[in-house]
Structure formats: C-alpha cells, structure tokens
Amino acid sequence: MNDERKPVGQQKPMEAAATRKKVNAKPAKLGRDVQARLGQQLRAMYDEVVGQGVPDRFTDLLNRIDGNKPKEGQ
C-alpha cells in the first residue's frame, strides 16, 4: 500500500471530504423539540401516502407475477 499523501486537489472528492476537519467542530445535533417536530411531519406525510392504497394495476401485476388470476369485477 502506498503511504504517500496526495495533495488535497488530487484526492478523490469523497476521500478529500473525509480527511477535512473543522477546528473546534462540534457534532451536529438536533434538539428534542426539533426531532419531535420532524417526526410529526414525517408521520403525517407518510400516513397520507399509506392511506392512498395500492393502485389496482399494481395489484393485478403482482397477482400475475405470483401466477394468480385477477378477481372478477376488478
């Protein structure tokens, strides 16, 4: 393995970002109130998506993949 360090301009972007450190940097933390608000907003958004259900065409496609025939009236 080559232990020589490349100048920052010659490093891969992800490698360069991983080696940079801010002086006196504190880890990013969100307060409990911010976390709670984010959680509420995410739940509200995904509850709406879950409530929409699965479109009939997807159900039919899944049934065909599983080898089931679609039910009459759908």
Protein backbone atom coordinates (compact mmCIF):
# COMPACT_ATOMS: atom_id res chain seq x y z
CA MET A 1 0.00 0.00 0.00
CA ASN A 2 1.27 3.47 -0.85
CA ASP A 3 1.52 5.63 2.31
CA GLU A 4 2.28 8.85 0.42
CA ARG A 5 -0.36 11.53 0.83
CA LYS A 6 -1.65 13.25 -2.26
CA PRO A 7 -2.30 16.98 -2.20
CA VAL A 8 -5.96 17.70 -1.48
CA GLY A 9 -6.59 18.76 -5.08
CA GLN A 10 -5.55 15.32 -6.32
CA GLN A 11 -7.64 13.26 -3.90
CA LYS A 12 -10.95 11.73 -4.83
CA PRO A 13 -13.83 14.01 -3.76
CA MET A 14 -15.16 11.63 -1.07
CA GLU A 15 -11.65 10.98 0.21
CA ALA A 16 -10.91 14.70 0.43
CA ALA A 17 -14.16 15.41 2.28
CA ALA A 18 -13.45 12.62 4.78
CA THR A 19 -9.99 13.98 5.59
CA ARG A 20 -11.07 17.60 6.12
CA LYS A 21 -11.88 18.53 9.69
CA LYS A 22 -13.08 21.81 11.10
CA VAL A 23 -11.20 23.24 14.02
CA ASN A 24 -13.26 23.01 17.23
CA ALA A 25 -16.15 21.44 15.29
CA LYS A 26 -18.98 20.05 17.40
CA PRO A 27 -21.07 17.14 16.14
CA ALA A 28 -24.32 18.29 14.58
CA LYS A 29 -27.21 17.61 16.96
CA LEU A 30 -30.86 18.46 16.80
CA GLY A 31 -32.76 19.36 19.90
CA ARG A 32 -35.55 17.11 21.14
CA ASP A 33 -38.18 19.63 20.10
CA VAL A 34 -36.81 19.76 16.53
CA GLN A 35 -36.61 15.95 16.38
CA ALA A 36 -40.19 15.66 17.63
CA ARG A 37 -41.45 18.17 15.06
CA LEU A 38 -39.61 16.38 12.24
CA GLY A 39 -41.08 13.07 13.39
CA GLN A 40 -44.60 14.52 13.41
CA GLN A 41 -44.19 15.95 9.92
CA LEU A 42 -42.74 12.71 8.52
CA ARG A 43 -45.53 10.62 10.08
CA ALA A 44 -48.17 12.97 8.68
CA MET A 45 -46.66 12.83 5.21
CA TYR A 46 -46.27 9.04 5.14
CA ASP A 47 -49.69 8.40 6.72
CA GLU A 48 -51.20 10.23 3.76
CA VAL A 49 -49.20 8.08 1.31
CA VAL A 50 -50.12 4.84 3.10
CA GLY A 51 -53.77 5.88 3.12
CA GLN A 52 -53.77 6.13 -0.69
CA GLY A 53 -53.55 2.37 -1.02
CA VAL A 54 -52.16 0.33 -3.88
CA PRO A 55 -53.47 1.07 -7.38
CA ASP A 56 -55.42 -1.80 -8.99
CA ARG A 57 -52.91 -2.05 -11.84
CA PHE A 58 -50.12 -2.81 -9.34
CA THR A 59 -52.25 -5.40 -7.56
CA ASP A 60 -53.06 -7.03 -10.92
CA LEU A 61 -49.39 -7.02 -11.89
CA LEU A 62 -48.36 -8.61 -8.57
CA ASN A 63 -51.07 -11.24 -8.97
CA ARG A 64 -49.83 -12.08 -12.49
CA ILE A 65 -46.26 -12.36 -11.21
CA ASP A 66 -47.45 -14.71 -8.44
CA GLY A 67 -49.45 -16.73 -11.00
CA ASN A 68 -52.85 -15.75 -9.63
CA LYS A 69 -55.70 -14.75 -11.91
CA PRO A 70 -57.31 -11.35 -11.28
CA LYS A 71 -60.63 -11.49 -9.42
CA GLU A 72 -63.80 -10.76 -11.39
CA GLY A 73 -65.12 -7.22 -11.01
CA GLN A 74 -61.71 -5.60 -10.69
